[in-house]
C-alpha atoms as a PDB file:
ATOM      1  CA  MET A   1       0.021  -0.018  -0.129  1.00  0.00           C
ATOM      2  CA  ALA A   2       2.963   2.392   0.569  1.00  0.00           C
ATOM      3  CA  PHE A   3       4.042   1.854  -3.045  1.00  0.00           C
ATOM      4  CA  ARG A   4       0.733   3.148  -4.284  1.00  0.00           C
ATOM      5  CA  SER A   5       0.490   6.185  -1.957  1.00  0.00           C
ATOM      6  CA  PHE A   6       4.056   7.089  -2.848  1.00  0.00           C
ATOM      7  CA  PHE A   7       3.100   7.382  -6.570  1.00  0.00           C
ATOM      8  CA  ARG A   8      -0.318   8.960  -5.955  1.00  0.00           C
ATOM      9  CA  SER A   9       0.965  11.648  -3.746  1.00  0.00           C
ATOM     10  CA  GLY A  10       3.227  13.177  -6.340  1.00  0.00           C
ATOM     11  CA  SER A  11       6.232  12.822  -4.055  1.00  0.00           C
ATOM     12  CA  HIS A  12       8.278  11.202  -6.871  1.00  0.00           C
ATOM     13  CA  PRO A  13      11.214  13.557  -7.507  1.00  0.00           C
ATOM     14  CA  HIS A  14      10.813  13.420 -11.283  1.00  0.00           C
ATOM     15  CA  TRP A  15       7.257  14.578 -11.015  1.00  0.00           C
ATOM     16  CA  ARG A  16       8.079  17.403  -8.701  1.00  0.00           C
ATOM     17  CA  SER A  17      10.839  18.913 -10.748  1.00  0.00           C
ATOM     18  CA  GLY A  18       9.222  18.419 -14.149  1.00  0.00           C
ATOM     19  CA  GLY A  19      11.911  15.869 -15.041  1.00  0.00           C
ATOM     20  CA  PHE A  20       9.223  13.389 -15.980  1.00  0.00           C
ATOM     21  CA  LEU A  21       7.684  15.557 -18.678  1.00  0.00           C
ATOM     22  CA  LYS A  22      11.221  16.647 -19.862  1.00  0.00           C
ATOM     23  CA  SER A  23      12.028  13.005 -20.319  1.00  0.00           C
ATOM     24  CA  GLN A  24       8.988  12.280 -22.182  1.00  0.00           C
ATOM     25  CA  TRP A  25       9.440  15.143 -24.535  1.00  0.00           C
ATOM     26  CA  ALA A  26      13.155  14.157 -25.122  1.00  0.00           C
ATOM     27  CA  ARG A  27      12.192  10.529 -25.906  1.00  0.00           C
ATOM     28  CA  ARG A  28       9.521  11.695 -28.367  1.00  0.00           C
ATOM     29  CA  LEU A  29      11.985  14.131 -30.061  1.00  0.00           C
ATOM     30  CA  ARG A  30      14.545  11.476 -30.388  1.00  0.00           C
ATOM     31  CA  LEU A  31      11.748   9.095 -31.873  1.00  0.00           C
ATOM     32  CA  ALA A  32      10.706  11.813 -34.294  1.00  0.00           C
ATOM     33  CA  ALA A  33      14.350  12.433 -35.365  1.00  0.00           C
ATOM     34  CA  ALA A  34      14.899   8.624 -35.992  1.00  0.00           C
ATOM     35  CA  GLY A  35      11.662   8.527 -37.892  1.00  0.00           C
ATOM     36  CA  ALA A  36      12.707  11.503 -39.999  1.00  0.00           C
ATOM     37  CA  ILE A  37      16.164   9.979 -40.822  1.00  0.00           C
ATOM     38  CA  THR A  38      14.647   6.786 -41.572  1.00  0.00           C
ATOM     39  CA  ALA A  39      12.048   8.457 -44.027  1.00  0.00           C
ATOM     40  CA  ALA A  40      14.903  10.511 -45.629  1.00  0.00           C
ATOM     41  CA  LEU A  41      16.971   7.344 -46.147  1.00  0.00           C
ATOM     42  CA  MET A  42      14.105   5.400 -47.635  1.00  0.00           C
ATOM     43  CA  LEU A  43      13.162   8.377 -50.005  1.00  0.00           C
ATOM     44  CA  ALA A  44      16.917   8.583 -51.114  1.00  0.00           C
ATOM     45  CA  VAL A  45      16.796   4.910 -52.019  1.00  0.00           C
ATOM     46  CA  TRP A  46      13.451   5.131 -53.808  1.00  0.00           C
ATOM     47  CA  LYS A  47      14.456   8.066 -55.865  1.00  0.00           C
ATOM     48  CA  HIS A  48      17.868   6.329 -56.672  1.00  0.00           C
ATOM     49  CA  TRP A  49      19.970   9.066 -55.011  1.00  0.00           C
ATOM     50  CA  LEU A  50      21.716   6.346 -53.269  1.00  0.00           C
ATOM     51  CA  SER A  51      22.963   3.255 -54.939  1.00  0.00           C
ATOM     52  CA  LEU A  52      21.546   0.894 -52.233  1.00  0.00           C
ATOM     53  CA  ASN A  53      18.909  -1.949 -52.462  1.00  0.00           C
ATOM     54  CA  LEU A  54      15.729  -1.312 -50.454  1.00  0.00           C
ATOM     55  CA  THR A  55      16.426  -4.663 -48.583  1.00  0.00           C
ATOM     56  CA  GLU A  56      19.735  -3.312 -47.512  1.00  0.00           C
ATOM     57  CA  VAL A  57      18.179  -0.102 -46.195  1.00  0.00           C
ATOM     58  CA  LEU A  58      15.412  -2.101 -44.467  1.00  0.00           C
ATOM     59  CA  GLY A  59      17.981  -4.292 -42.683  1.00  0.00           C
ATOM     60  CA  PHE A  60      20.038  -1.195 -41.638  1.00  0.00           C
ATOM     61  CA  VAL A  61      17.070   0.767 -40.444  1.00  0.00           C
ATOM     62  CA  THR A  62      15.531  -2.067 -38.525  1.00  0.00           C
ATOM     63  CA  GLY A  63      18.995  -2.896 -37.031  1.00  0.00           C
ATOM     64  CA  ALA A  64      19.429   0.599 -35.867  1.00  0.00           C
ATOM     65  CA  TRP A  65      15.990   0.799 -34.449  1.00  0.00           C
ATOM     66  CA  CYS A  66      16.490  -2.525 -32.737  1.00  0.00           C
ATOM     67  CA  VAL A  67      19.684  -1.361 -30.915  1.00  0.00           C
ATOM     68  CA  TRP A  68      18.138   1.996 -29.912  1.00  0.00           C
ATOM     69  CA  LEU A  69      14.889   0.276 -28.638  1.00  0.00           C
ATOM     70  CA  ALA A  70      17.015  -2.238 -26.629  1.00  0.00           C
ATOM     71  CA  ALA A  71      18.869   0.551 -24.993  1.00  0.00           C
ATOM     72  CA  GLU A  72      15.613   2.205 -24.154  1.00  0.00           C
ATOM     73  CA  GLU A  73      14.335  -1.057 -22.778  1.00  0.00           C
ATOM     74  CA  ASN A  74      11.238  -0.867 -25.030  1.00  0.00           C
ATOM     75  CA  ILE A  75       9.121  -3.864 -25.785  1.00  0.00           C
ATOM     76  CA  TRP A  76       9.034  -2.925 -29.546  1.00  0.00           C
ATOM     77  CA  ASN A  77      12.583  -4.163 -29.644  1.00  0.00           C
ATOM     78  CA  TRP A  78      11.303  -7.664 -30.278  1.00  0.00           C
ATOM     79  CA  PRO A  79       9.152  -7.279 -33.298  1.00  0.00           C
ATOM     80  CA  ILE A  80      11.670  -4.897 -34.854  1.00  0.00           C
ATOM     81  CA  GLY A  81      14.435  -7.360 -34.206  1.00  0.00           C
ATOM     82  CA  ILE A  82      12.325 -10.102 -35.958  1.00  0.00           C
ATOM     83  CA  ALA A  83      11.790  -7.719 -38.952  1.00  0.00           C
ATOM     84  CA  ASN A  84      15.607  -7.155 -38.922  1.00  0.00           C
ATOM     85  CA  SER A  85      16.342 -10.875 -39.084  1.00  0.00           C
ATOM     86  CA  VAL A  86      13.713 -11.325 -41.777  1.00  0.00           C
ATOM     87  CA  SER A  87      15.050  -8.369 -43.991  1.00  0.00           C
ATOM     88  CA  PHE A  88      18.694  -9.693 -43.692  1.00  0.00           C
ATOM     89  CA  GLY A  89      17.432 -13.193 -44.433  1.00  0.00           C
ATOM     90  CA  ALA A  90      15.859 -12.007 -47.654  1.00  0.00           C
ATOM     91  CA  LEU A  91      19.036 -10.007 -48.433  1.00  0.00           C
ATOM     92  CA  PHE A  92      21.182 -13.086 -48.058  1.00  0.00           C
ATOM     93  CA  PHE A  93      18.767 -15.221 -49.911  1.00  0.00           C
ATOM     94  CA  HIS A  94      18.928 -12.850 -52.959  1.00  0.00           C
ATOM     95  CA  ALA A  95      22.670 -12.752 -52.790  1.00  0.00           C
ATOM     96  CA  ARG A  96      22.816 -16.462 -52.594  1.00  0.00           C
ATOM     97  CA  LEU A  97      24.624 -16.401 -49.279  1.00  0.00           C
ATOM     98  CA  TYR A  98      22.647 -19.329 -47.884  1.00  0.00           C
ATOM     99  CA  ALA A  99      25.068 -20.019 -44.908  1.00  0.00           C
ATOM    100  CA  ASP A 100      24.714 -16.258 -43.727  1.00  0.00           C
ATOM    101  CA  MET A 101      20.858 -16.742 -44.229  1.00  0.00           C
ATOM    102  CA  THR A 102      20.747 -19.767 -41.837  1.00  0.00           C
ATOM    103  CA  LEU A 103      22.504 -17.579 -39.314  1.00  0.00           C
ATOM    104  CA  GLN A 104      19.534 -15.175 -39.494  1.00  0.00           C
ATOM    105  CA  VAL A 105      17.308 -18.199 -38.803  1.00  0.00           C
ATOM    106  CA  ASN A 106      19.087 -18.997 -35.688  1.00  0.00           C
ATOM    107  CA  ASN A 107      18.623 -15.554 -34.284  1.00  0.00           C
END
């Protein structure tokens, strides 16, 4: 019961100093920046400004998001990690690197 009253009373140090709101806004700002960078990279590949394959970009983007989400201890790390393994598996399959593709299956 003391745990609930501690959080309901507003006596948590982050709530008193406004740090909780600042950290939420900082997290949202980092998420928006990561989304903008992802969108710019995807647009550059789609318009052929970069000589990359779309599968390579998806592998890179999902890998970077997976690492960032793991550092943030976010539950979305798992589905993004699965998407990362699938995209690299497809990339290795098209490149006929079958041994590397099986490593993605074991992840």
